[in-house]
Amino acid sequence: MRLNPFLALAPILAYLVFAGWWVLSSGVVREGQQVELLNVACDPTRELWAELNVRFIAAYETKRGIPISIGQSHGGSGSQARAVIDGLEADVVTLAMWPDTDAIRKAGRIATGWEDRLPNRGLPYTSTIVFVVRAGNPKSIRDWADLDRDNVNIISPNPKTSGNGKWSVLASWAASKKAGLSDDAAEARLQSMFRRVPVLDPSARGATMTFSQKNIGDVHLTWENEAYLEVHESKGKLEVVYPTVSILAEPHVAIVDAVVDRKGTREVAEAYMDFLYTPEAQAIIAKHRYRPTNAAVKFSTKADFPELELVSIRELGFDWDGIQKRFFAEGAMFDRITSGGRKR
């Protein structure tokens, strides 16, 4: 009996169909298929991303006809970076500090040169560290020197896990150096401060809860945006104080290349990051009290950004490797100043 040639080819054709389906299902977004992104973010950006995500999803679905959902993960910036390195499937990371994002690059999940792939070195906004005090400012806390007093208890998150904590250390250091203090005196000021931190929460939002809801401490060192949210929710029980000098905090954003290429979500993730630089998104950023990198948007909104001297880490004479080695590595300054224990 003569074999039908089409029957002979059937196993091969079936394999090719299966292989084609596998490729499509494992790395390419198909028409009409919902795209799911995960944004792994630092702790105090919850409200910001809630609004940005709604606006981006609506705009992208209208333009491209592709349904999108964006999941959020929030926590201390250092802890979040570690989670992504350990396998958390983030399409994008929006963390508090350059070293946290670059640690993911060092682990092979983000491509080299990530900070140059978006405008302004991957910074759609900046921020700084300010003070929150009890209503009426009963301890008369106006500037960094006021934090040296023995009767002032301070709330700040743990620099080992929190970007807010690291930026607070660097803000104090910057203010000390601008005031002409020696390195030894600047370190002594930090030691005095952290001796009077009764609770070292692992994240910025945890420190907010400690200060505003548990009523612990006289002053809270926190992100500018978090300060205004905290004061607003306190209904008159708290107020913001701006020191004369603080740090220029730079919370970068980046795409996690290993994840988006495996999932086939690169195009959507890139559009998501590009959206952050649009006038619409920059206005939302300003509304939530982050400092947009588009100055025209910043000054055309009702959000008030008081003038103060913002010092960059470059002005402190360090690169990020130097910062880590000097302040936050095992056995470095932070470990040294807290080794004697905090005030009880």
C-alpha atoms as a PDB file:
ATOM      1  CA  MET A   1       0.000   0.000   0.000  1.00  0.00           C
ATOM      2  CA  ARG A   2       1.353   3.433  -0.944  1.00  0.00           C
ATOM      3  CA  LEU A   3       1.795   5.821   2.028  1.00  0.00           C
ATOM      4  CA  ASN A   4       0.033   9.184   1.763  1.00  0.00           C
ATOM      5  CA  PRO A   5       2.854  11.822   1.832  1.00  0.00           C
ATOM      6  CA  PHE A   6       0.721  14.177   3.948  1.00  0.00           C
ATOM      7  CA  LEU A   7       0.377  11.485   6.628  1.00  0.00           C
ATOM      8  CA  ALA A   8       4.128  11.076   6.663  1.00  0.00           C
ATOM      9  CA  LEU A   9       4.531  14.805   7.236  1.00  0.00           C
ATOM     10  CA  ALA A  10       1.867  14.985   9.952  1.00  0.00           C
ATOM     11  CA  PRO A  11       4.196  14.457  12.944  1.00  0.00           C
ATOM     12  CA  ILE A  12       6.553  17.119  11.643  1.00  0.00           C
ATOM     13  CA  LEU A  13       3.711  19.582  11.053  1.00  0.00           C
ATOM     14  CA  ALA A  14       2.310  18.897  14.507  1.00  0.00           C
ATOM     15  CA  TYR A  15       5.704  19.551  16.072  1.00  0.00           C
ATOM     16  CA  LEU A  16       6.079  22.832  14.177  1.00  0.00           C
ATOM     17  CA  VAL A  17       2.627  23.992  15.288  1.00  0.00           C
ATOM     18  CA  PHE A  18       3.439  23.101  18.895  1.00  0.00           C
ATOM     19  CA  ALA A  19       6.827  24.830  18.728  1.00  0.00           C
ATOM     20  CA  GLY A  20       5.224  27.951  17.272  1.00  0.00           C
ATOM     21  CA  TRP A  21       2.603  28.011  20.025  1.00  0.00           C
ATOM     22  CA  TRP A  22       5.322  27.586  22.701  1.00  0.00           C
ATOM     23  CA  VAL A  23       7.346  30.507  21.339  1.00  0.00           C
ATOM     24  CA  LEU A  24       4.298  32.752  21.225  1.00  0.00           C
ATOM     25  CA  SER A  25       3.145  31.815  24.689  1.00  0.00           C
ATOM     26  CA  SER A  26       6.535  32.136  26.339  1.00  0.00           C
ATOM     27  CA  GLY A  27       7.852  35.470  25.123  1.00  0.00           C
ATOM     28  CA  VAL A  28       5.541  37.425  22.860  1.00  0.00           C
ATOM     29  CA  VAL A  29       2.463  39.434  23.767  1.00  0.00           C
ATOM     30  CA  ARG A  30      -0.377  38.354  21.482  1.00  0.00           C
ATOM     31  CA  GLU A  31      -3.125  40.645  20.231  1.00  0.00           C
ATOM     32  CA  GLY A  32      -5.911  40.974  22.790  1.00  0.00           C
ATOM     33  CA  GLN A  33      -3.838  39.285  25.512  1.00  0.00           C
ATOM     34  CA  GLN A  34      -3.690  41.196  28.783  1.00  0.00           C
ATOM     35  CA  VAL A  35      -0.211  42.407  29.665  1.00  0.00           C
ATOM     36  CA  GLU A  36       0.755  42.197  33.326  1.00  0.00           C
ATOM     37  CA  LEU A  37       3.618  44.319  34.622  1.00  0.00           C
ATOM     38  CA  LEU A  38       5.111  44.296  38.100  1.00  0.00           C
ATOM     39  CA  ASN A  39       6.613  47.506  39.457  1.00  0.00           C
ATOM     40  CA  VAL A  40       8.872  46.795  42.444  1.00  0.00           C
ATOM     41  CA  ALA A  41       9.096  50.121  44.254  1.00  0.00           C
ATOM     42  CA  CYS A  42      10.397  51.746  47.416  1.00  0.00           C
ATOM     43  CA  ASP A  43       8.039  52.138  50.327  1.00  0.00           C
ATOM     44  CA  PRO A  44       6.665  55.719  50.307  1.00  0.00           C
ATOM     45  CA  THR A  45       5.636  55.791  46.619  1.00  0.00           C
ATOM     46  CA  ARG A  46       2.370  53.866  46.985  1.00  0.00           C
ATOM     47  CA  GLU A  47       0.047  56.821  46.408  1.00  0.00           C
ATOM     48  CA  LEU A  48       2.131  58.168  43.530  1.00  0.00           C
ATOM     49  CA  TRP A  49       2.099  54.917  41.564  1.00  0.00           C
ATOM     50  CA  ALA A  50      -1.572  54.299  42.278  1.00  0.00           C
ATOM     51  CA  GLU A  51      -2.443  57.435  40.285  1.00  0.00           C
ATOM     52  CA  LEU A  52       0.282  57.115  37.650  1.00  0.00           C
ATOM     53  CA  ASN A  53      -0.728  53.528  36.886  1.00  0.00           C
ATOM     54  CA  VAL A  54      -4.375  54.416  36.338  1.00  0.00           C
ATOM     55  CA  ARG A  55      -3.435  57.207  33.926  1.00  0.00           C
ATOM     56  CA  PHE A  56      -0.905  55.124  31.993  1.00  0.00           C
ATOM     57  CA  ILE A  57      -3.213  52.116  31.654  1.00  0.00           C
ATOM     58  CA  ALA A  58      -6.013  54.288  30.261  1.00  0.00           C
ATOM     59  CA  ALA A  59      -3.708  56.065  27.812  1.00  0.00           C
ATOM     60  CA  TYR A  60      -2.002  52.892  26.569  1.00  0.00           C
ATOM     61  CA  GLU A  61      -5.203  50.909  26.159  1.00  0.00           C
ATOM     62  CA  THR A  62      -6.772  53.789  24.207  1.00  0.00           C
ATOM     63  CA  LYS A  63      -3.742  54.117  21.935  1.00  0.00           C
ATOM     64  CA  ARG A  64      -2.828  50.442  21.433  1.00  0.00           C
ATOM     65  CA  GLY A  65      -5.969  48.520  22.324  1.00  0.00           C
ATOM     66  CA  ILE A  66      -4.001  46.205  24.615  1.00  0.00           C
ATOM     67  CA  PRO A  67      -5.396  45.631  28.133  1.00  0.00           C
ATOM     68  CA  ILE A  68      -2.839  46.156  30.900  1.00  0.00           C
ATOM     69  CA  SER A  69      -2.638  45.505  34.600  1.00  0.00           C
ATOM     70  CA  ILE A  70       0.188  46.781  36.807  1.00  0.00           C
ATOM     71  CA  GLY A  71       0.980  45.115  40.085  1.00  0.00           C
ATOM     72  CA  GLN A  72       2.876  46.955  42.807  1.00  0.00           C
ATOM     73  CA  SER A  73       5.334  45.694  45.394  1.00  0.00           C
ATOM     74  CA  HIS A  74       6.490  48.143  48.076  1.00  0.00           C
ATOM     75  CA  GLY A  75       9.071  47.910  50.828  1.00  0.00           C
ATOM     76  CA  GLY A  76      12.436  49.163  51.979  1.00  0.00           C
ATOM     77  CA  SER A  77      14.532  49.926  48.899  1.00  0.00           C
ATOM     78  CA  GLY A  78      17.455  47.696  49.833  1.00  0.00           C
ATOM     79  CA  SER A  79      15.132  44.826  50.710  1.00  0.00           C
ATOM     80  CA  GLN A  80      13.264  45.251  47.432  1.00  0.00           C
ATOM     81  CA  ALA A  81      16.484  45.129  45.439  1.00  0.00           C
ATOM     82  CA  ARG A  82      17.440  41.905  47.198  1.00  0.00           C
ATOM     83  CA  ALA A  83      14.025  40.403  46.399  1.00  0.00           C
ATOM     84  CA  VAL A  84      14.476  41.128  42.676  1.00  0.00           C
ATOM     85  CA  ILE A  85      18.002  39.694  42.730  1.00  0.00           C
ATOM     86  CA  ASP A  86      16.595  36.586  44.421  1.00  0.00           C
ATOM     87  CA  GLY A  87      13.965  36.113  41.720  1.00  0.00           C
ATOM     88  CA  LEU A  88      11.000  38.469  42.226  1.00  0.00           C
ATOM     89  CA  GLU A  89       9.753  38.964  38.658  1.00  0.00           C
ATOM     90  CA  ALA A  90       9.843  42.754  38.384  1.00  0.00           C
ATOM     91  CA  ASP A  91       9.362  44.245  34.924  1.00  0.00           C
ATOM     92  CA  VAL A  92      10.496  47.617  36.267  1.00  0.00           C
ATOM     93  CA  VAL A  93      12.131  48.786  39.481  1.00  0.00           C
ATOM     94  CA  THR A  94      11.551  52.239  40.969  1.00  0.00           C
ATOM     95  CA  LEU A  95      13.807  52.213  43.992  1.00  0.00           C
ATOM     96  CA  ALA A  96      15.160  54.891  46.307  1.00  0.00           C
ATOM     97  CA  MET A  97      18.850  54.819  45.438  1.00  0.00           C
ATOM     98  CA  TRP A  98      21.163  54.213  42.491  1.00  0.00           C
ATOM     99  CA  PRO A  99      23.154  51.474  44.305  1.00  0.00           C
ATOM    100  CA  ASP A 100      19.995  49.427  44.900  1.00  0.00           C
ATOM    101  CA  THR A 101      19.179  49.431  41.186  1.00  0.00           C
ATOM    102  CA  ASP A 102      22.788  48.856  40.193  1.00  0.00           C
ATOM    103  CA  ALA A 103      22.984  45.860  42.516  1.00  0.00           C
ATOM    104  CA  ILE A 104      20.348  44.247  40.268  1.00  0.00           C
ATOM    105  CA  ARG A 105      22.554  45.082  37.282  1.00  0.00           C
ATOM    106  CA  LYS A 106      25.514  43.430  39.002  1.00  0.00           C
ATOM    107  CA  ALA A 107      23.356  40.329  39.480  1.00  0.00           C
ATOM    108  CA  GLY A 108      22.837  40.162  35.705  1.00  0.00           C
ATOM    109  CA  ARG A 109      19.142  41.088  35.591  1.00  0.00           C
ATOM    110  CA  ILE A 110      19.540  44.656  34.271  1.00  0.00           C
ATOM    111  CA  ALA A 111      21.738  45.526  31.289  1.00  0.00           C
ATOM    112  CA  THR A 112      24.861  47.650  31.630  1.00  0.00           C
ATOM    113  CA  GLY A 113      24.268  51.364  30.998  1.00  0.00           C
ATOM    114  CA  TRP A 114      20.721  51.267  32.360  1.00  0.00           C
ATOM    115  CA  GLU A 115      20.880  54.820  33.756  1.00  0.00           C
ATOM    116  CA  ASP A 116      21.507  56.261  30.270  1.00  0.00           C
ATOM    117  CA  ARG A 117      18.482  54.689  28.568  1.00  0.00           C
ATOM    118  CA  LEU A 118      15.950  57.164  29.959  1.00  0.00           C
ATOM    119  CA  PRO A 119      16.033  60.984  30.135  1.00  0.00           C
ATOM    120  CA  ASN A 120      17.868  62.693  32.974  1.00  0.00           C
ATOM    121  CA  ARG A 121      19.793  59.534  33.909  1.00  0.00           C
ATOM    122  CA  GLY A 122      16.612  57.613  34.673  1.00  0.00           C
ATOM    123  CA  LEU A 123      15.271  60.292  37.019  1.00  0.00           C
ATOM    124  CA  PRO A 124      11.707  61.423  36.264  1.00  0.00           C
ATOM    125  CA  TYR A 125      11.730  63.145  39.664  1.00  0.00           C
ATOM    126  CA  THR A 126      13.980  63.906  42.619  1.00  0.00           C
ATOM    127  CA  SER A 127      13.265  64.476  46.301  1.00  0.00           C
ATOM    128  CA  THR A 128      14.927  65.414  49.576  1.00  0.00           C
ATOM    129  CA  ILE A 129      14.813  64.789  53.326  1.00  0.00           C
ATOM    130  CA  VAL A 130      12.835  67.173  55.574  1.00  0.00           C
ATOM    131  CA  PHE A 131      11.604  67.179  59.172  1.00  0.00           C
ATOM    132  CA  VAL A 132       8.135  66.432  60.540  1.00  0.00           C
ATOM    133  CA  VAL A 133       7.457  67.692  64.078  1.00  0.00           C
ATOM    134  CA  ARG A 134       4.530  67.812  66.500  1.00  0.00           C
ATOM    135  CA  ALA A 135       2.068  70.682  66.026  1.00  0.00           C
ATOM    136  CA  GLY A 136       3.430  73.944  67.302  1.00  0.00           C
ATOM    137  CA  ASN A 137       6.983  72.535  67.149  1.00  0.00           C
ATOM    138  CA  PRO A 138       7.285  72.246  70.963  1.00  0.00           C
ATOM    139  CA  LYS A 139      10.999  71.359  70.826  1.00  0.00           C
ATOM    140  CA  SER A 140      11.778  74.311  68.482  1.00  0.00           C
ATOM    141  CA  ILE A 141      13.432  72.081  65.879  1.00  0.00           C
ATOM    142  CA  ARG A 142      14.486  74.265  62.941  1.00  0.00           C
ATOM    143  CA  ASP A 143      17.704  72.818  61.568  1.00  0.00           C
ATOM    144  CA  TRP A 144      20.163  69.940  61.832  1.00  0.00           C
ATOM    145  CA  ALA A 145      22.004  71.447  64.804  1.00  0.00           C
ATOM    146  CA  ASP A 146      18.767  71.194  66.811  1.00  0.00           C
ATOM    147  CA  LEU A 147      18.912  67.405  66.469  1.00  0.00           C
ATOM    148  CA  ASP A 148      22.050  67.393  68.653  1.00  0.00           C
ATOM    149  CA  ARG A 149      20.091  68.149  71.811  1.00  0.00           C
ATOM    150  CA  ASP A 150      19.717  65.344  74.344  1.00  0.00           C
ATOM    151  CA  ASN A 151      15.989  66.035  74.785  1.00  0.00           C
ATOM    152  CA  VAL A 152      15.196  65.475  71.078  1.00  0.00           C
ATOM    153  CA  ASN A 153      14.272  61.911  70.091  1.00  0.00           C
ATOM    154  CA  ILE A 154      14.473  61.153  66.382  1.00  0.00           C
ATOM    155  CA  ILE A 155      12.619  58.741  64.110  1.00  0.00           C
ATOM    156  CA  SER A 156      14.404  57.488  60.984  1.00  0.00           C
ATOM    157  CA  PRO A 157      14.251  54.099  59.250  1.00  0.00           C
ATOM    158  CA  ASN A 158      17.168  51.695  59.199  1.00  0.00           C
ATOM    159  CA  PRO A 159      19.808  52.670  56.602  1.00  0.00           C
ATOM    160  CA  LYS A 160      20.646  48.986  56.182  1.00  0.00           C
ATOM    161  CA  THR A 161      17.269  48.322  54.558  1.00  0.00           C
ATOM    162  CA  SER A 162      15.732  51.698  53.713  1.00  0.00           C
ATOM    163  CA  GLY A 163      16.658  54.309  51.130  1.00  0.00           C
ATOM    164  CA  ASN A 164      15.016  56.926  53.373  1.00  0.00           C
ATOM    165  CA  GLY A 165      17.402  55.866  56.128  1.00  0.00           C
ATOM    166  CA  LYS A 166      20.452  56.167  53.880  1.00  0.00           C
ATOM    167  CA  TRP A 167      19.385  59.551  52.505  1.00  0.00           C
ATOM    168  CA  SER A 168      18.836  60.816  56.075  1.00  0.00           C
ATOM    169  CA  VAL A 169      22.404  59.862  57.015  1.00  0.00           C
ATOM    170  CA  LEU A 170      23.726  61.590  53.910  1.00  0.00           C
ATOM    171  CA  ALA A 171      21.554  64.672  54.525  1.00  0.00           C
ATOM    172  CA  SER A 172      22.979  65.058  58.022  1.00  0.00           C
ATOM    173  CA  TRP A 173      26.505  64.610  56.681  1.00  0.00           C
ATOM    174  CA  ALA A 174      25.918  67.205  53.935  1.00  0.00           C
ATOM    175  CA  ALA A 175      24.564  69.741  56.440  1.00  0.00           C
ATOM    176  CA  SER A 176      27.532  69.160  58.744  1.00  0.00           C
ATOM    177  CA  LYS A 177      30.063  69.654  55.973  1.00  0.00           C
ATOM    178  CA  LYS A 178      28.268  72.775  54.708  1.00  0.00           C
ATOM    179  CA  ALA A 179      28.456  74.129  58.272  1.00  0.00           C
ATOM    180  CA  GLY A 180      32.223  73.623  58.226  1.00  0.00           C
ATOM    181  CA  LEU A 181      32.387  70.632  60.557  1.00  0.00           C
ATOM    182  CA  SER A 182      35.299  68.224  60.311  1.00  0.00           C
ATOM    183  CA  ASP A 183      34.703  64.603  59.349  1.00  0.00           C
ATOM    184  CA  ASP A 184      35.116  63.582  62.998  1.00  0.00           C
ATOM    185  CA  ALA A 185      32.571  66.181  64.137  1.00  0.00           C
ATOM    186  CA  ALA A 186      30.120  65.177  61.389  1.00  0.00           C
ATOM    187  CA  GLU A 187      30.419  61.546  62.465  1.00  0.00           C
ATOM    188  CA  ALA A 188      29.934  62.533  66.115  1.00  0.00           C
ATOM    189  CA  ARG A 189      26.726  64.352  65.162  1.00  0.00           C
ATOM    190  CA  LEU A 190      25.439  61.220  63.432  1.00  0.00           C
ATOM    191  CA  GLN A 191      26.349  59.119  66.449  1.00  0.00           C
ATOM    192  CA  SER A 192      24.486  61.530  68.725  1.00  0.00           C
ATOM    193  CA  MET A 193      21.449  61.431  66.434  1.00  0.00           C
ATOM    194  CA  PHE A 194      21.197  57.655  66.170  1.00  0.00           C
ATOM    195  CA  ARG A 195      21.758  57.212  69.891  1.00  0.00           C
ATOM    196  CA  ARG A 196      18.388  58.954  70.209  1.00  0.00           C
ATOM    197  CA  VAL A 197      16.532  56.887  67.587  1.00  0.00           C
ATOM    198  CA  PRO A 198      14.379  54.602  69.771  1.00  0.00           C
ATOM    199  CA  VAL A 199      13.059  52.493  66.864  1.00  0.00           C
ATOM    200  CA  LEU A 200      14.840  51.602  63.611  1.00  0.00           C
ATOM    201  CA  ASP A 201      11.991  50.553  61.315  1.00  0.00           C
ATOM    202  CA  PRO A 202      12.963  48.624  58.173  1.00  0.00           C
ATOM    203  CA  SER A 203      11.148  50.984  55.783  1.00  0.00           C
ATOM    204  CA  ALA A 204      10.055  54.598  55.335  1.00  0.00           C
ATOM    205  CA  ARG A 205       6.344  53.878  55.778  1.00  0.00           C
ATOM    206  CA  GLY A 206       7.042  51.906  58.946  1.00  0.00           C
ATOM    207  CA  ALA A 207       8.870  54.920  60.399  1.00  0.00           C
ATOM    208  CA  THR A 208       5.909  57.114  59.475  1.00  0.00           C
ATOM    209  CA  MET A 209       3.585  54.825  61.420  1.00  0.00           C
ATOM    210  CA  THR A 210       5.935  54.871  64.417  1.00  0.00           C
ATOM    211  CA  PHE A 211       6.009  58.666  64.530  1.00  0.00           C
ATOM    212  CA  SER A 212       2.493  59.642  63.499  1.00  0.00           C
ATOM    213  CA  GLN A 213       0.353  56.797  64.852  1.00  0.00           C
ATOM    214  CA  LYS A 214       2.378  55.451  67.771  1.00  0.00           C
ATOM    215  CA  ASN A 215       3.412  59.000  68.776  1.00  0.00           C
ATOM    216  CA  ILE A 216       7.037  58.049  69.341  1.00  0.00           C
ATOM    217  CA  GLY A 217       9.734  60.689  68.872  1.00  0.00           C
ATOM    218  CA  ASP A 218       9.949  64.466  68.535  1.00  0.00           C
ATOM    219  CA  VAL A 219      11.069  64.716  64.908  1.00  0.00           C
ATOM    220  CA  HIS A 220      10.750  62.433  61.911  1.00  0.00           C
ATOM    221  CA  LEU A 221      13.403  62.526  59.152  1.00  0.00           C
ATOM    222  CA  THR A 222      11.580  61.607  55.975  1.00  0.00           C
ATOM    223  CA  TRP A 223      11.035  62.107  52.276  1.00  0.00           C
ATOM    224  CA  GLU A 224       9.454  65.435  51.334  1.00  0.00           C
ATOM    225  CA  ASN A 225       6.417  63.732  49.787  1.00  0.00           C
ATOM    226  CA  GLU A 226       5.957  61.441  52.796  1.00  0.00           C
ATOM    227  CA  ALA A 227       6.151  64.437  55.127  1.00  0.00           C
ATOM    228  CA  TYR A 228       3.222  66.181  53.436  1.00  0.00           C
ATOM    229  CA  LEU A 229       1.132  63.014  53.328  1.00  0.00           C
ATOM    230  CA  GLU A 230       1.887  62.378  56.998  1.00  0.00           C
ATOM    231  CA  VAL A 231       0.936  65.920  57.990  1.00  0.00           C
ATOM    232  CA  HIS A 232      -2.241  65.843  55.889  1.00  0.00           C
ATOM    233  CA  GLU A 233      -3.411  62.591  57.474  1.00  0.00           C
ATOM    234  CA  SER A 234      -2.619  63.842  60.983  1.00  0.00           C
ATOM    235  CA  LYS A 235      -5.409  66.459  60.737  1.00  0.00           C
ATOM    236  CA  GLY A 236      -3.456  69.240  62.412  1.00  0.00           C
ATOM    237  CA  LYS A 237      -1.319  67.202  64.816  1.00  0.00           C
ATOM    238  CA  LEU A 238       1.921  67.475  62.802  1.00  0.00           C
ATOM    239  CA  GLU A 239       3.765  70.024  60.658  1.00  0.00           C
ATOM    240  CA  VAL A 240       6.648  70.133  58.178  1.00  0.00           C
ATOM    241  CA  VAL A 241       9.921  71.929  58.911  1.00  0.00           C
ATOM    242  CA  TYR A 242      12.476  72.616  56.177  1.00  0.00           C
ATOM    243  CA  PRO A 243      16.128  72.661  57.249  1.00  0.00           C
ATOM    244  CA  THR A 244      18.381  75.154  55.478  1.00  0.00           C
ATOM    245  CA  VAL A 245      20.401  72.365  53.826  1.00  0.00           C
ATOM    246  CA  SER A 246      19.491  68.821  52.793  1.00  0.00           C
ATOM    247  CA  ILE A 247      20.474  66.134  50.313  1.00  0.00           C
ATOM    248  CA  LEU A 248      19.455  65.885  46.664  1.00  0.00           C
ATOM    249  CA  ALA A 249      17.779  62.479  46.735  1.00  0.00           C
ATOM    250  CA  GLU A 250      17.777  60.698  43.382  1.00  0.00           C
ATOM    251  CA  PRO A 251      15.379  57.718  43.142  1.00  0.00           C
ATOM    252  CA  HIS A 252      16.114  56.168  39.737  1.00  0.00           C
ATOM    253  CA  VAL A 253      13.780  54.030  37.629  1.00  0.00           C
ATOM    254  CA  ALA A 254      14.818  51.160  35.346  1.00  0.00           C
ATOM    255  CA  ILE A 255      13.571  48.260  33.248  1.00  0.00           C
ATOM    256  CA  VAL A 256      14.570  44.756  34.366  1.00  0.00           C
ATOM    257  CA  ASP A 257      15.847  43.408  31.055  1.00  0.00           C
ATOM    258  CA  ALA A 258      16.004  39.733  31.992  1.00  0.00           C
ATOM    259  CA  VAL A 259      12.320  39.731  32.951  1.00  0.00           C
ATOM    260  CA  VAL A 260      10.815  41.818  30.150  1.00  0.00           C
ATOM    261  CA  ASP A 261      12.710  39.875  27.484  1.00  0.00           C
ATOM    262  CA  ARG A 262      11.590  36.551  28.902  1.00  0.00           C
ATOM    263  CA  LYS A 263       7.963  37.674  29.292  1.00  0.00           C
ATOM    264  CA  GLY A 264       7.808  39.674  26.066  1.00  0.00           C
ATOM    265  CA  THR A 265       6.764  42.831  27.914  1.00  0.00           C
ATOM    266  CA  ARG A 266       9.618  45.125  26.889  1.00  0.00           C
ATOM    267  CA  GLU A 267       7.526  47.337  24.597  1.00  0.00           C
ATOM    268  CA  VAL A 268       4.906  47.974  27.282  1.00  0.00           C
ATOM    269  CA  ALA A 269       7.516  48.465  30.007  1.00  0.00           C
ATOM    270  CA  GLU A 270       9.377  50.996  27.861  1.00  0.00           C
ATOM    271  CA  ALA A 271       6.143  52.886  27.174  1.00  0.00           C
ATOM    272  CA  TYR A 272       5.434  52.867  30.938  1.00  0.00           C
ATOM    273  CA  MET A 273       8.807  54.397  31.752  1.00  0.00           C
ATOM    274  CA  ASP A 274       8.572  56.927  28.883  1.00  0.00           C
ATOM    275  CA  PHE A 275       5.157  58.017  30.194  1.00  0.00           C
ATOM    276  CA  LEU A 276       6.787  59.268  33.391  1.00  0.00           C
ATOM    277  CA  TYR A 277       8.412  62.131  31.464  1.00  0.00           C
ATOM    278  CA  THR A 278       5.213  63.354  29.798  1.00  0.00           C
ATOM    279  CA  PRO A 279       3.626  66.630  30.999  1.00  0.00           C
ATOM    280  CA  GLU A 280       0.631  64.676  32.342  1.00  0.00           C
ATOM    281  CA  ALA A 281       2.771  62.361  34.462  1.00  0.00           C
ATOM    282  CA  GLN A 282       5.091  65.157  35.587  1.00  0.00           C
ATOM    283  CA  ALA A 283       2.072  67.108  36.853  1.00  0.00           C
ATOM    284  CA  ILE A 284       0.937  64.058  38.847  1.00  0.00           C
ATOM    285  CA  ILE A 285       4.457  63.712  40.248  1.00  0.00           C
ATOM    286  CA  ALA A 286       4.394  67.347  41.406  1.00  0.00           C
ATOM    287  CA  LYS A 287       0.924  66.891  42.895  1.00  0.00           C
ATOM    288  CA  HIS A 288       2.298  64.128  45.120  1.00  0.00           C
ATOM    289  CA  ARG A 289       5.147  66.397  46.266  1.00  0.00           C
ATOM    290  CA  TYR A 290       7.974  64.812  44.338  1.00  0.00           C
ATOM    291  CA  ARG A 291      10.191  67.257  42.463  1.00  0.00           C
ATOM    292  CA  PRO A 292       9.647  66.765  38.708  1.00  0.00           C
ATOM    293  CA  THR A 293      12.701  66.934  36.506  1.00  0.00           C
ATOM    294  CA  ASN A 294      10.717  69.107  34.086  1.00  0.00           C
ATOM    295  CA  ALA A 295      11.117  72.489  35.805  1.00  0.00           C
ATOM    296  CA  ALA A 296       8.342  74.066  33.733  1.00  0.00           C
ATOM    297  CA  VAL A 297       5.849  71.545  35.127  1.00  0.00           C
ATOM    298  CA  LYS A 298       7.120  71.979  38.672  1.00  0.00           C
ATOM    299  CA  PHE A 299       6.526  75.693  38.722  1.00  0.00           C
ATOM    300  CA  SER A 300       3.206  75.601  36.895  1.00  0.00           C
ATOM    301  CA  THR A 301       1.507  73.463  39.552  1.00  0.00           C
ATOM    302  CA  LYS A 302       0.064  74.438  42.920  1.00  0.00           C
ATOM    303  CA  ALA A 303       2.509  72.178  44.771  1.00  0.00           C
ATOM    304  CA  ASP A 304       4.841  74.242  46.885  1.00  0.00           C
ATOM    305  CA  PHE A 305       8.533  73.343  46.783  1.00  0.00           C
ATOM    306  CA  PRO A 306      10.281  75.664  49.252  1.00  0.00           C
ATOM    307  CA  GLU A 307      13.784  76.731  48.389  1.00  0.00           C
ATOM    308  CA  LEU A 308      16.588  75.073  50.314  1.00  0.00           C
ATOM    309  CA  GLU A 309      20.140  74.144  49.459  1.00  0.00           C
ATOM    310  CA  LEU A 310      20.223  70.617  48.053  1.00  0.00           C
ATOM    311  CA  VAL A 311      23.620  68.927  48.078  1.00  0.00           C
ATOM    312  CA  SER A 312      24.352  66.087  45.647  1.00  0.00           C
ATOM    313  CA  ILE A 313      26.575  63.144  46.551  1.00  0.00           C
ATOM    314  CA  ARG A 314      29.012  64.396  43.909  1.00  0.00           C
ATOM    315  CA  GLU A 315      29.411  67.600  45.917  1.00  0.00           C
ATOM    316  CA  LEU A 316      30.300  65.477  48.939  1.00  0.00           C
ATOM    317  CA  GLY A 317      33.301  64.169  47.014  1.00  0.00           C
ATOM    318  CA  PHE A 318      32.164  60.543  46.681  1.00  0.00           C
ATOM    319  CA  ASP A 319      30.888  58.212  44.016  1.00  0.00           C
ATOM    320  CA  TRP A 320      28.339  55.593  45.036  1.00  0.00           C
ATOM    321  CA  ASP A 321      30.943  52.931  45.658  1.00  0.00           C
ATOM    322  CA  GLY A 322      32.709  55.390  47.948  1.00  0.00           C
ATOM    323  CA  ILE A 323      29.443  56.204  49.749  1.00  0.00           C
ATOM    324  CA  GLN A 324      28.752  52.540  50.379  1.00  0.00           C
ATOM    325  CA  LYS A 325      32.278  51.854  51.583  1.00  0.00           C
ATOM    326  CA  ARG A 326      32.418  54.920  53.845  1.00  0.00           C
ATOM    327  CA  PHE A 327      28.943  54.841  55.385  1.00  0.00           C
ATOM    328  CA  PHE A 328      26.946  51.624  54.912  1.00  0.00           C
ATOM    329  CA  ALA A 329      29.180  48.585  54.315  1.00  0.00           C
ATOM    330  CA  GLU A 330      29.691  46.043  57.076  1.00  0.00           C
ATOM    331  CA  GLY A 331      31.886  47.655  59.721  1.00  0.00           C
ATOM    332  CA  ALA A 332      31.639  51.118  58.108  1.00  0.00           C
ATOM    333  CA  MET A 333      30.478  54.362  59.722  1.00  0.00           C
ATOM    334  CA  PHE A 334      26.862  53.429  60.416  1.00  0.00           C
ATOM    335  CA  ASP A 335      27.878  50.193  62.130  1.00  0.00           C
ATOM    336  CA  ARG A 336      30.532  52.087  64.044  1.00  0.00           C
ATOM    337  CA  ILE A 337      28.236  54.829  65.357  1.00  0.00           C
ATOM    338  CA  THR A 338      25.515  52.381  66.415  1.00  0.00           C
ATOM    339  CA  SER A 339      27.774  49.717  67.928  1.00  0.00           C
ATOM    340  CA  GLY A 340      27.376  51.244  71.378  1.00  0.00           C
ATOM    341  CA  GLY A 341      23.606  50.851  71.263  1.00  0.00           C
ATOM    342  CA  ARG A 342      20.795  53.382  71.045  1.00  0.00           C
ATOM    343  CA  LYS A 343      19.305  55.361  73.903  1.00  0.00           C
ATOM    344  CA  ARG A 344      16.502  53.490  75.653  1.00  0.00           C
END
